[in-house]
Amino acid sequence: PAKPAQTRVELLANGADQDLCLVR
């Protein structure tokens, strides 16, 4: 059982020296 789900993900920035990203 599951319900529909939608998310829009936008990149804001990638990390300078870490394997991370900032998203909206």
PDB file of all heavy atoms in Angstrom:
ATOM      1  N   PRO A   1       0.829  -1.205   0.000  1.00  0.00           N
ATOM      2  CA  PRO A   1       0.000   0.000   0.000  1.00  0.00           C
ATOM      3  C   PRO A   1       0.868   1.262   0.000  1.00  0.00           C
ATOM      4  O   PRO A   1       1.837   1.363   0.751  1.00  0.00           O
ATOM      5  CB  PRO A   1      -0.795  -0.117   1.304  1.00  0.00           C
ATOM      6  CG  PRO A   1      -0.815  -1.586   1.607  1.00  0.00           C
ATOM      7  CD  PRO A   1       0.506  -2.098   1.126  1.00  0.00           C
ATOM      8  N   ALA A   2       0.531   2.211  -0.855  1.00  0.00           N
ATOM      9  CA  ALA A   2       1.298   3.453  -0.961  1.00  0.00           C
ATOM     10  C   ALA A   2       0.415   4.544  -1.544  1.00  0.00           C
ATOM     11  O   ALA A   2      -0.575   4.263  -2.218  1.00  0.00           O
ATOM     12  CB  ALA A   2       2.531   3.251  -1.839  1.00  0.00           C
ATOM     13  N   LYS A   3       0.784   5.792  -1.274  1.00  0.00           N
ATOM     14  CA  LYS A   3       0.056   6.943  -1.790  1.00  0.00           C
ATOM     15  C   LYS A   3       0.950   7.723  -2.746  1.00  0.00           C
ATOM     16  O   LYS A   3       2.163   7.809  -2.544  1.00  0.00           O
ATOM     17  CB  LYS A   3      -0.389   7.856  -0.636  1.00  0.00           C
ATOM     18  CG  LYS A   3      -1.397   7.205   0.303  1.00  0.00           C
ATOM     19  CD  LYS A   3      -1.804   8.158   1.419  1.00  0.00           C
ATOM     20  CE  LYS A   3      -2.824   7.517   2.342  1.00  0.00           C
ATOM     21  NZ  LYS A   3      -3.231   8.431   3.448  1.00  0.00           N
ATOM     22  N   PRO A   4       0.370   8.332  -3.779  1.00  0.00           N
ATOM     23  CA  PRO A   4       1.173   9.115  -4.714  1.00  0.00           C
ATOM     24  C   PRO A   4       1.942  10.217  -3.987  1.00  0.00           C
ATOM     25  O   PRO A   4       1.450  10.811  -3.025  1.00  0.00           O
ATOM     26  CB  PRO A   4       0.130   9.713  -5.668  1.00  0.00           C
ATOM     27  CG  PRO A   4      -1.055   8.808  -5.560  1.00  0.00           C
ATOM     28  CD  PRO A   4      -1.068   8.314  -4.141  1.00  0.00           C
ATOM     29  N   ALA A   5       3.160  10.481  -4.444  1.00  0.00           N
ATOM     30  CA  ALA A   5       3.985  11.513  -3.818  1.00  0.00           C
ATOM     31  C   ALA A   5       4.885  12.140  -4.877  1.00  0.00           C
ATOM     32  O   ALA A   5       5.516  11.434  -5.663  1.00  0.00           O
ATOM     33  CB  ALA A   5       4.825  10.920  -2.688  1.00  0.00           C
ATOM     34  N   GLN A   6       4.904  13.478  -4.892  1.00  0.00           N
ATOM     35  CA  GLN A   6       5.723  14.200  -5.859  1.00  0.00           C
ATOM     36  C   GLN A   6       6.524  15.287  -5.152  1.00  0.00           C
ATOM     37  O   GLN A   6       5.983  16.031  -4.333  1.00  0.00           O
ATOM     38  CB  GLN A   6       4.861  14.858  -6.954  1.00  0.00           C
ATOM     39  CG  GLN A   6       4.109  13.882  -7.846  1.00  0.00           C
ATOM     40  CD  GLN A   6       2.766  13.489  -7.276  1.00  0.00           C
ATOM     41  OE1 GLN A   6       2.101  14.302  -6.640  1.00  0.00           O
ATOM     42  NE2 GLN A   6       2.350  12.251  -7.505  1.00  0.00           N
ATOM     43  N   THR A   7       7.810  15.353  -5.475  1.00  0.00           N
ATOM     44  CA  THR A   7       8.707  16.376  -4.948  1.00  0.00           C
ATOM     45  C   THR A   7       9.560  16.925  -6.082  1.00  0.00           C
ATOM     46  O   THR A   7      10.119  16.153  -6.866  1.00  0.00           O
ATOM     47  CB  THR A   7       9.645  15.807  -3.862  1.00  0.00           C
ATOM     48  OG1 THR A   7       8.882  15.150  -2.850  1.00  0.00           O
ATOM     49  CG2 THR A   7      10.478  16.908  -3.221  1.00  0.00           C
ATOM     50  N   ARG A   8       9.666  18.249  -6.158  1.00  0.00           N
ATOM     51  CA  ARG A   8      10.571  18.884  -7.114  1.00  0.00           C
ATOM     52  C   ARG A   8      11.857  19.234  -6.364  1.00  0.00           C
ATOM     53  O   ARG A   8      11.821  19.916  -5.340  1.00  0.00           O
ATOM     54  CB  ARG A   8       9.932  20.147  -7.690  1.00  0.00           C
ATOM     55  CG  ARG A   8      10.805  20.936  -8.675  1.00  0.00           C
ATOM     56  CD  ARG A   8      10.094  22.227  -9.058  1.00  0.00           C
ATOM     57  NE  ARG A   8      10.894  23.046  -9.958  1.00  0.00           N
ATOM     58  CZ  ARG A   8      10.826  23.007 -11.287  1.00  0.00           C
ATOM     59  NH1 ARG A   8       9.977  22.167 -11.870  1.00  0.00           N
ATOM     60  NH2 ARG A   8      11.568  23.793 -12.042  1.00  0.00           N
ATOM     61  N   VAL A   9      12.987  18.759  -6.870  1.00  0.00           N
ATOM     62  CA  VAL A   9      14.277  18.989  -6.222  1.00  0.00           C
ATOM     63  C   VAL A   9      15.144  19.832  -7.152  1.00  0.00           C
ATOM     64  O   VAL A   9      15.335  19.485  -8.323  1.00  0.00           O
ATOM     65  CB  VAL A   9      14.994  17.671  -5.883  1.00  0.00           C
ATOM     66  CG1 VAL A   9      16.278  17.941  -5.112  1.00  0.00           C
ATOM     67  CG2 VAL A   9      14.074  16.749  -5.078  1.00  0.00           C
ATOM     68  N   GLU A  10      15.685  20.947  -6.621  1.00  0.00           N
ATOM     69  CA  GLU A  10      16.516  21.854  -7.413  1.00  0.00           C
ATOM     70  C   GLU A  10      17.878  22.006  -6.751  1.00  0.00           C
ATOM     71  O   GLU A  10      17.964  22.297  -5.556  1.00  0.00           O
ATOM     72  CB  GLU A  10      15.850  23.230  -7.521  1.00  0.00           C
ATOM     73  CG  GLU A  10      14.457  23.190  -8.136  1.00  0.00           C
ATOM     74  CD  GLU A  10      13.795  24.558  -8.152  1.00  0.00           C
ATOM     75  OE1 GLU A  10      14.458  25.527  -7.710  1.00  0.00           O
ATOM     76  OE2 GLU A  10      12.641  24.659  -8.593  1.00  0.00           O
ATOM     77  N   LEU A  11      18.931  21.835  -7.529  1.00  0.00           N
ATOM     78  CA  LEU A  11      20.281  22.030  -7.006  1.00  0.00           C
ATOM     79  C   LEU A  11      20.530  23.511  -6.763  1.00  0.00           C
ATOM     80  O   LEU A  11      20.262  24.355  -7.618  1.00  0.00           O
ATOM     81  CB  LEU A  11      21.311  21.502  -8.005  1.00  0.00           C
ATOM     82  CG  LEU A  11      22.774  21.802  -7.640  1.00  0.00           C
ATOM     83  CD1 LEU A  11      23.182  21.045  -6.383  1.00  0.00           C
ATOM     84  CD2 LEU A  11      23.686  21.468  -8.810  1.00  0.00           C
ATOM     85  N   LEU A  12      21.064  23.845  -5.575  1.00  0.00           N
ATOM     86  CA  LEU A  12      21.501  25.197  -5.272  1.00  0.00           C
ATOM     87  C   LEU A  12      23.019  25.309  -5.310  1.00  0.00           C
ATOM     88  O   LEU A  12      23.563  26.284  -5.804  1.00  0.00           O
ATOM     89  CB  LEU A  12      20.976  25.629  -3.901  1.00  0.00           C
ATOM     90  CG  LEU A  12      19.448  25.677  -3.767  1.00  0.00           C
ATOM     91  CD1 LEU A  12      19.065  26.044  -2.345  1.00  0.00           C
ATOM     92  CD2 LEU A  12      18.846  26.664  -4.757  1.00  0.00           C
ATOM     93  N   ALA A  13      23.707  24.290  -4.784  1.00  0.00           N
ATOM     94  CA  ALA A  13      25.178  24.330  -4.799  1.00  0.00           C
ATOM     95  C   ALA A  13      25.722  22.957  -4.432  1.00  0.00           C
ATOM     96  O   ALA A  13      25.108  22.220  -3.655  1.00  0.00           O
ATOM     97  CB  ALA A  13      25.698  25.381  -3.818  1.00  0.00           C
ATOM     98  N   ASN A  14      26.881  22.626  -4.999  1.00  0.00           N
ATOM     99  CA  ASN A  14      27.628  21.448  -4.573  1.00  0.00           C
ATOM    100  C   ASN A  14      28.687  21.867  -3.565  1.00  0.00           C
ATOM    101  O   ASN A  14      29.114  23.026  -3.522  1.00  0.00           O
ATOM    102  CB  ASN A  14      28.305  20.767  -5.768  1.00  0.00           C
ATOM    103  CG  ASN A  14      27.395  19.771  -6.460  1.00  0.00           C
ATOM    104  OD1 ASN A  14      26.712  18.986  -5.798  1.00  0.00           O
ATOM    105  ND2 ASN A  14      27.370  19.808  -7.790  1.00  0.00           N
ATOM    106  N   GLY A  15      29.091  20.930  -2.712  1.00  0.00           N
ATOM    107  CA  GLY A  15      30.083  21.236  -1.702  1.00  0.00           C
ATOM    108  C   GLY A  15      31.420  21.627  -2.307  1.00  0.00           C
ATOM    109  O   GLY A  15      31.802  21.138  -3.374  1.00  0.00           O
ATOM    110  N   ALA A  16      32.128  22.515  -1.613  1.00  0.00           N
ATOM    111  CA  ALA A  16      33.429  22.963  -2.099  1.00  0.00           C
ATOM    112  C   ALA A  16      34.457  21.840  -2.018  1.00  0.00           C
ATOM    113  O   ALA A  16      35.193  21.583  -2.964  1.00  0.00           O
ATOM    114  CB  ALA A  16      33.891  24.173  -1.295  1.00  0.00           C
ATOM    115  N   ASP A  17      34.517  21.176  -0.858  1.00  0.00           N
ATOM    116  CA  ASP A  17      35.484  20.092  -0.688  1.00  0.00           C
ATOM    117  C   ASP A  17      34.883  18.903   0.048  1.00  0.00           C
ATOM    118  O   ASP A  17      35.595  18.022   0.500  1.00  0.00           O
ATOM    119  CB  ASP A  17      36.729  20.594   0.042  1.00  0.00           C
ATOM    120  CG  ASP A  17      36.398  21.257   1.380  1.00  0.00           C
ATOM    121  OD1 ASP A  17      35.227  21.197   1.782  1.00  0.00           O
ATOM    122  OD2 ASP A  17      37.315  21.825   2.001  1.00  0.00           O
ATOM    123  N   GLN A  18      33.571  18.879   0.200  1.00  0.00           N
ATOM    124  CA  GLN A  18      32.888  17.748   0.828  1.00  0.00           C
ATOM    125  C   GLN A  18      31.891  17.152  -0.159  1.00  0.00           C
ATOM    126  O   GLN A  18      31.385  17.852  -1.038  1.00  0.00           O
ATOM    127  CB  GLN A  18      32.154  18.196   2.096  1.00  0.00           C
ATOM    128  CG  GLN A  18      33.069  18.752   3.182  1.00  0.00           C
ATOM    129  CD  GLN A  18      32.296  19.091   4.438  1.00  0.00           C
ATOM    130  OE1 GLN A  18      31.534  18.282   4.956  1.00  0.00           O
ATOM    131  NE2 GLN A  18      32.486  20.313   4.941  1.00  0.00           N
ATOM    132  N   ASP A  19      31.631  15.880  -0.010  1.00  0.00           N
ATOM    133  CA  ASP A  19      30.737  15.170  -0.935  1.00  0.00           C
ATOM    134  C   ASP A  19      29.288  15.407  -0.531  1.00  0.00           C
ATOM    135  O   ASP A  19      28.566  14.487  -0.131  1.00  0.00           O
ATOM    136  CB  ASP A  19      31.087  13.674  -0.912  1.00  0.00           C
ATOM    137  CG  ASP A  19      30.545  12.952  -2.137  1.00  0.00           C
ATOM    138  OD1 ASP A  19      30.258  13.631  -3.140  1.00  0.00           O
ATOM    139  OD2 ASP A  19      30.398  11.724  -2.082  1.00  0.00           O
ATOM    140  N   LEU A  20      28.864  16.680  -0.626  1.00  0.00           N
ATOM    141  CA  LEU A  20      27.533  17.097  -0.200  1.00  0.00           C
ATOM    142  C   LEU A  20      26.954  18.050  -1.234  1.00  0.00           C
ATOM    143  O   LEU A  20      27.678  18.608  -2.074  1.00  0.00           O
ATOM    144  CB  LEU A  20      27.595  17.815   1.157  1.00  0.00           C
ATOM    145  CG  LEU A  20      28.112  17.032   2.364  1.00  0.00           C
ATOM    146  CD1 LEU A  20      28.421  17.992   3.512  1.00  0.00           C
ATOM    147  CD2 LEU A  20      27.080  15.989   2.801  1.00  0.00           C
ATOM    148  N   CYS A  21      25.644  18.261  -1.155  1.00  0.00           N
ATOM    149  CA  CYS A  21      24.999  19.254  -2.002  1.00  0.00           C
ATOM    150  C   CYS A  21      23.893  19.946  -1.213  1.00  0.00           C
ATOM    151  O   CYS A  21      23.350  19.388  -0.265  1.00  0.00           O
ATOM    152  CB  CYS A  21      24.435  18.628  -3.281  1.00  0.00           C
ATOM    153  SG  CYS A  21      23.187  17.337  -3.026  1.00  0.00           S
ATOM    154  N   LEU A  22      23.608  21.164  -1.626  1.00  0.00           N
ATOM    155  CA  LEU A  22      22.520  21.944  -1.040  1.00  0.00           C
ATOM    156  C   LEU A  22      21.404  21.995  -2.071  1.00  0.00           C
ATOM    157  O   LEU A  22      21.637  22.353  -3.228  1.00  0.00           O
ATOM    158  CB  LEU A  22      22.984  23.360  -0.701  1.00  0.00           C
ATOM    159  CG  LEU A  22      21.913  24.320  -0.145  1.00  0.00           C
ATOM    160  CD1 LEU A  22      21.461  23.870   1.239  1.00  0.00           C
ATOM    161  CD2 LEU A  22      22.479  25.745  -0.085  1.00  0.00           C
ATOM    162  N   VAL A  23      20.191  21.621  -1.663  1.00  0.00           N
ATOM    163  CA  VAL A  23      19.069  21.586  -2.600  1.00  0.00           C
ATOM    164  C   VAL A  23      17.871  22.310  -2.018  1.00  0.00           C
ATOM    165  O   VAL A  23      17.754  22.508  -0.806  1.00  0.00           O
ATOM    166  CB  VAL A  23      18.666  20.130  -2.957  1.00  0.00           C
ATOM    167  CG1 VAL A  23      19.800  19.408  -3.670  1.00  0.00           C
ATOM    168  CG2 VAL A  23      18.232  19.356  -1.709  1.00  0.00           C
ATOM    169  N   ARG A  24      16.991  22.703  -2.934  1.00  0.00           N
ATOM    170  CA  ARG A  24      15.700  23.244  -2.559  1.00  0.00           C
ATOM    171  C   ARG A  24      14.657  22.211  -2.964  1.00  0.00           C
ATOM    172  O   ARG A  24      14.670  21.699  -4.086  1.00  0.00           O
ATOM    173  CB  ARG A  24      15.450  24.572  -3.282  1.00  0.00           C
ATOM    174  CG  ARG A  24      14.008  25.053  -3.174  1.00  0.00           C
ATOM    175  CD  ARG A  24      13.826  26.496  -3.614  1.00  0.00           C
ATOM    176  NE  ARG A  24      14.259  26.764  -4.971  1.00  0.00           N
ATOM    177  CZ  ARG A  24      14.226  27.992  -5.511  1.00  0.00           C
ATOM    178  NH1 ARG A  24      13.796  29.014  -4.812  1.00  0.00           N
ATOM    179  NH2 ARG A  24      14.639  28.184  -6.748  1.00  0.00           N
TER     180      ARG A  24
END
